[in-house]
Amino acid sequence: MDAVRSAIVRLCAPSGPVKSYAVSFDATRQAVSCFLEMKSPMLESEVRELDACGFGNGLCLEFALGSDSAGTS
């Protein structure tokens, strides 16, 4: 979850603050999905750089959790 928090903090700088967010963990797929509502829309190039899906002020990210992340916090 520290990686998700760090990613959210990094996203705050270029397009203004994150207005709201939702985080969901899928134990079957070992993945975390995150929806962010930004103060202003991100540029398409920024969205692509994050390998995310963006629409309007919304941004969706997914983080796969690998076995190498076990035991880190």
N, C-alpha and C. Protein backbone atom coordinates (compact mmCIF):
# COMPACT_ATOMS: atom_id res chain seq x y z
N MET A 1 0.81 -1.19 0.00
CA MET A 1 0.00 0.00 0.00
C MET A 1 0.86 1.26 0.00
N ASP A 2 2.09 1.15 0.47
CA ASP A 2 2.98 2.31 0.42
C ASP A 2 3.24 2.75 -1.02
N ALA A 3 3.35 1.78 -1.93
CA ALA A 3 3.56 2.11 -3.34
C ALA A 3 2.37 2.86 -3.90
N VAL A 4 1.16 2.45 -3.52
CA VAL A 4 -0.05 3.14 -3.99
C VAL A 4 -0.07 4.56 -3.44
N ARG A 5 0.21 4.72 -2.15
CA ARG A 5 0.23 6.04 -1.53
C ARG A 5 1.28 6.94 -2.21
N SER A 6 2.44 6.38 -2.47
CA SER A 6 3.51 7.16 -3.13
C SER A 6 3.08 7.60 -4.52
N ALA A 7 2.43 6.71 -5.25
CA ALA A 7 1.97 7.05 -6.60
C ALA A 7 0.94 8.17 -6.55
N ILE A 8 0.04 8.12 -5.58
CA ILE A 8 -0.97 9.16 -5.45
C ILE A 8 -0.32 10.50 -5.14
N VAL A 9 0.65 10.49 -4.25
CA VAL A 9 1.36 11.74 -3.91
C VAL A 9 2.07 12.30 -5.13
N ARG A 10 2.72 11.44 -5.92
CA ARG A 10 3.41 11.91 -7.13
C ARG A 10 2.42 12.51 -8.13
N LEU A 11 1.22 11.97 -8.20
CA LEU A 11 0.22 12.47 -9.14
C LEU A 11 -0.34 13.82 -8.74
N CYS A 12 -0.19 14.20 -7.51
CA CYS A 12 -0.74 15.47 -7.04
C CYS A 12 -0.05 16.67 -7.66
N ALA A 13 1.22 16.57 -7.96
CA ALA A 13 1.98 17.74 -8.40
C ALA A 13 1.60 18.26 -9.78
N PRO A 14 1.62 17.45 -10.85
CA PRO A 14 1.46 18.05 -12.18
C PRO A 14 0.06 18.57 -12.49
N SER A 15 -0.97 17.92 -12.04
CA SER A 15 -2.33 18.31 -12.42
C SER A 15 -3.15 18.79 -11.24
N GLY A 16 -2.50 19.22 -10.21
CA GLY A 16 -3.23 19.68 -9.04
C GLY A 16 -3.54 18.53 -8.11
N PRO A 17 -4.17 18.86 -7.01
CA PRO A 17 -4.41 17.82 -6.01
C PRO A 17 -5.45 16.79 -6.44
N VAL A 18 -5.34 15.64 -5.83
CA VAL A 18 -6.35 14.60 -5.99
C VAL A 18 -7.54 15.02 -5.14
N LYS A 19 -8.72 15.09 -5.74
CA LYS A 19 -9.92 15.49 -4.99
C LYS A 19 -10.46 14.32 -4.19
N SER A 20 -10.45 13.13 -4.79
CA SER A 20 -10.93 11.93 -4.10
C SER A 20 -10.30 10.72 -4.75
N TYR A 21 -10.32 9.61 -4.02
CA TYR A 21 -9.78 8.38 -4.59
C TYR A 21 -10.45 7.18 -3.94
N ALA A 22 -10.42 6.07 -4.65
CA ALA A 22 -10.91 4.79 -4.14
C ALA A 22 -9.89 3.73 -4.49
N VAL A 23 -9.59 2.87 -3.53
CA VAL A 23 -8.62 1.81 -3.72
C VAL A 23 -9.31 0.48 -3.47
N SER A 24 -9.07 -0.47 -4.35
CA SER A 24 -9.68 -1.79 -4.24
C SER A 24 -8.62 -2.86 -4.41
N PHE A 25 -8.63 -3.87 -3.54
CA PHE A 25 -7.68 -4.98 -3.61
C PHE A 25 -8.41 -6.23 -4.07
N ASP A 26 -7.87 -6.88 -5.10
CA ASP A 26 -8.43 -8.13 -5.61
C ASP A 26 -7.47 -9.25 -5.22
N ALA A 27 -7.84 -10.02 -4.20
CA ALA A 27 -6.97 -11.08 -3.69
C ALA A 27 -6.77 -12.20 -4.71
N THR A 28 -7.76 -12.47 -5.53
CA THR A 28 -7.64 -13.53 -6.53
C THR A 28 -6.59 -13.19 -7.57
N ARG A 29 -6.61 -11.95 -8.05
CA ARG A 29 -5.66 -11.50 -9.07
C ARG A 29 -4.39 -10.92 -8.49
N GLN A 30 -4.36 -10.73 -7.16
CA GLN A 30 -3.22 -10.10 -6.49
C GLN A 30 -2.89 -8.75 -7.14
N ALA A 31 -3.93 -7.90 -7.19
CA ALA A 31 -3.79 -6.59 -7.82
C ALA A 31 -4.54 -5.54 -7.02
N VAL A 32 -4.06 -4.32 -7.11
CA VAL A 32 -4.72 -3.18 -6.49
C VAL A 32 -5.17 -2.26 -7.62
N SER A 33 -6.44 -1.87 -7.59
CA SER A 33 -6.98 -0.91 -8.54
C SER A 33 -7.24 0.39 -7.80
N CYS A 34 -6.99 1.48 -8.47
CA CYS A 34 -7.14 2.79 -7.83
C CYS A 34 -7.82 3.74 -8.82
N PHE A 35 -8.90 4.39 -8.37
CA PHE A 35 -9.55 5.42 -9.16
C PHE A 35 -9.29 6.76 -8.49
N LEU A 36 -8.78 7.71 -9.23
CA LEU A 36 -8.49 9.04 -8.71
C LEU A 36 -9.34 10.08 -9.42
N GLU A 37 -9.91 10.99 -8.67
CA GLU A 37 -10.58 12.15 -9.25
C GLU A 37 -9.63 13.33 -9.04
N MET A 38 -9.11 13.86 -10.15
CA MET A 38 -8.14 14.95 -10.09
C MET A 38 -8.85 16.30 -10.11
N LYS A 39 -8.17 17.33 -9.62
CA LYS A 39 -8.73 18.68 -9.66
C LYS A 39 -8.90 19.14 -11.10
N SER A 40 -7.96 18.77 -11.97
CA SER A 40 -8.06 19.09 -13.39
C SER A 40 -7.59 17.88 -14.20
N PRO A 41 -8.04 17.77 -15.45
CA PRO A 41 -7.66 16.62 -16.26
C PRO A 41 -6.15 16.55 -16.50
N MET A 42 -5.63 15.35 -16.59
CA MET A 42 -4.22 15.16 -16.92
C MET A 42 -4.07 15.15 -18.43
N LEU A 43 -2.90 15.53 -18.90
CA LEU A 43 -2.62 15.45 -20.33
C LEU A 43 -2.60 13.99 -20.76
N GLU A 44 -3.00 13.74 -21.99
CA GLU A 44 -3.02 12.37 -22.51
C GLU A 44 -1.64 11.72 -22.42
N SER A 45 -0.59 12.50 -22.67
CA SER A 45 0.77 11.96 -22.59
C SER A 45 1.12 11.53 -21.16
N GLU A 46 0.64 12.27 -20.15
CA GLU A 46 0.87 11.89 -18.75
C GLU A 46 0.14 10.60 -18.41
N VAL A 47 -1.08 10.47 -18.91
CA VAL A 47 -1.87 9.26 -18.65
C VAL A 47 -1.19 8.05 -19.28
N ARG A 48 -0.72 8.20 -20.52
CA ARG A 48 -0.02 7.09 -21.20
C ARG A 48 1.26 6.73 -20.46
N GLU A 49 1.99 7.73 -19.98
CA GLU A 49 3.24 7.48 -19.27
C GLU A 49 3.00 6.64 -18.01
N LEU A 50 1.85 6.82 -17.39
CA LEU A 50 1.49 6.06 -16.19
C LEU A 50 0.90 4.69 -16.52
N ASP A 51 0.71 4.42 -17.82
CA ASP A 51 0.03 3.20 -18.26
C ASP A 51 -1.33 3.09 -17.58
N ALA A 52 -2.05 4.21 -17.60
CA ALA A 52 -3.34 4.32 -16.92
C ALA A 52 -4.44 4.54 -17.96
N CYS A 53 -5.64 4.64 -17.47
CA CYS A 53 -6.80 4.95 -18.29
C CYS A 53 -7.39 6.25 -17.73
N GLY A 54 -7.48 7.27 -18.55
CA GLY A 54 -7.99 8.54 -18.09
C GLY A 54 -9.22 8.97 -18.86
N PHE A 55 -10.11 9.67 -18.18
CA PHE A 55 -11.31 10.21 -18.82
C PHE A 55 -11.78 11.40 -17.98
N GLY A 56 -11.87 12.55 -18.63
CA GLY A 56 -12.23 13.76 -17.89
C GLY A 56 -11.23 13.99 -16.77
N ASN A 57 -11.73 14.20 -15.58
CA ASN A 57 -10.88 14.39 -14.41
C ASN A 57 -10.57 13.07 -13.71
N GLY A 58 -11.00 11.96 -14.27
CA GLY A 58 -10.79 10.65 -13.64
C GLY A 58 -9.57 9.94 -14.20
N LEU A 59 -8.97 9.14 -13.35
CA LEU A 59 -7.79 8.36 -13.73
C LEU A 59 -7.86 7.00 -13.04
N CYS A 60 -7.69 5.94 -13.81
CA CYS A 60 -7.69 4.59 -13.25
C CYS A 60 -6.31 3.98 -13.40
N LEU A 61 -5.80 3.43 -12.31
CA LEU A 61 -4.49 2.77 -12.29
C LEU A 61 -4.67 1.37 -11.72
N GLU A 62 -3.81 0.45 -12.15
CA GLU A 62 -3.80 -0.89 -11.57
C GLU A 62 -2.37 -1.29 -11.29
N PHE A 63 -2.14 -1.82 -10.09
CA PHE A 63 -0.83 -2.27 -9.67
C PHE A 63 -0.89 -3.76 -9.39
N ALA A 64 -0.08 -4.54 -10.10
CA ALA A 64 0.02 -5.97 -9.81
C ALA A 64 0.94 -6.14 -8.61
N LEU A 65 0.56 -7.01 -7.71
CA LEU A 65 1.38 -7.28 -6.53
C LEU A 65 2.14 -8.58 -6.77
N GLY A 66 3.44 -8.49 -6.82
CA GLY A 66 4.27 -9.66 -7.05
C GLY A 66 4.75 -10.25 -5.75
N SER A 67 5.28 -11.45 -5.81
CA SER A 67 5.78 -12.12 -4.61
C SER A 67 6.98 -11.38 -4.02
N ASP A 68 7.68 -10.56 -4.85
CA ASP A 68 8.83 -9.83 -4.33
C ASP A 68 8.43 -8.68 -3.43
N SER A 69 7.12 -8.32 -3.39
CA SER A 69 6.68 -7.25 -2.50
C SER A 69 6.31 -7.77 -1.13
N ALA A 70 6.31 -9.09 -0.94
CA ALA A 70 5.96 -9.67 0.35
C ALA A 70 6.99 -9.28 1.39
N GLY A 71 6.49 -8.87 2.54
CA GLY A 71 7.38 -8.55 3.63
C GLY A 71 7.91 -7.13 3.61
N THR A 72 7.56 -6.33 2.60
CA THR A 72 8.00 -4.94 2.57
C THR A 72 6.86 -4.06 3.04
N SER A 73 7.19 -2.94 3.65
CA SER A 73 6.14 -2.00 4.07
C SER A 73 6.60 -0.59 3.95
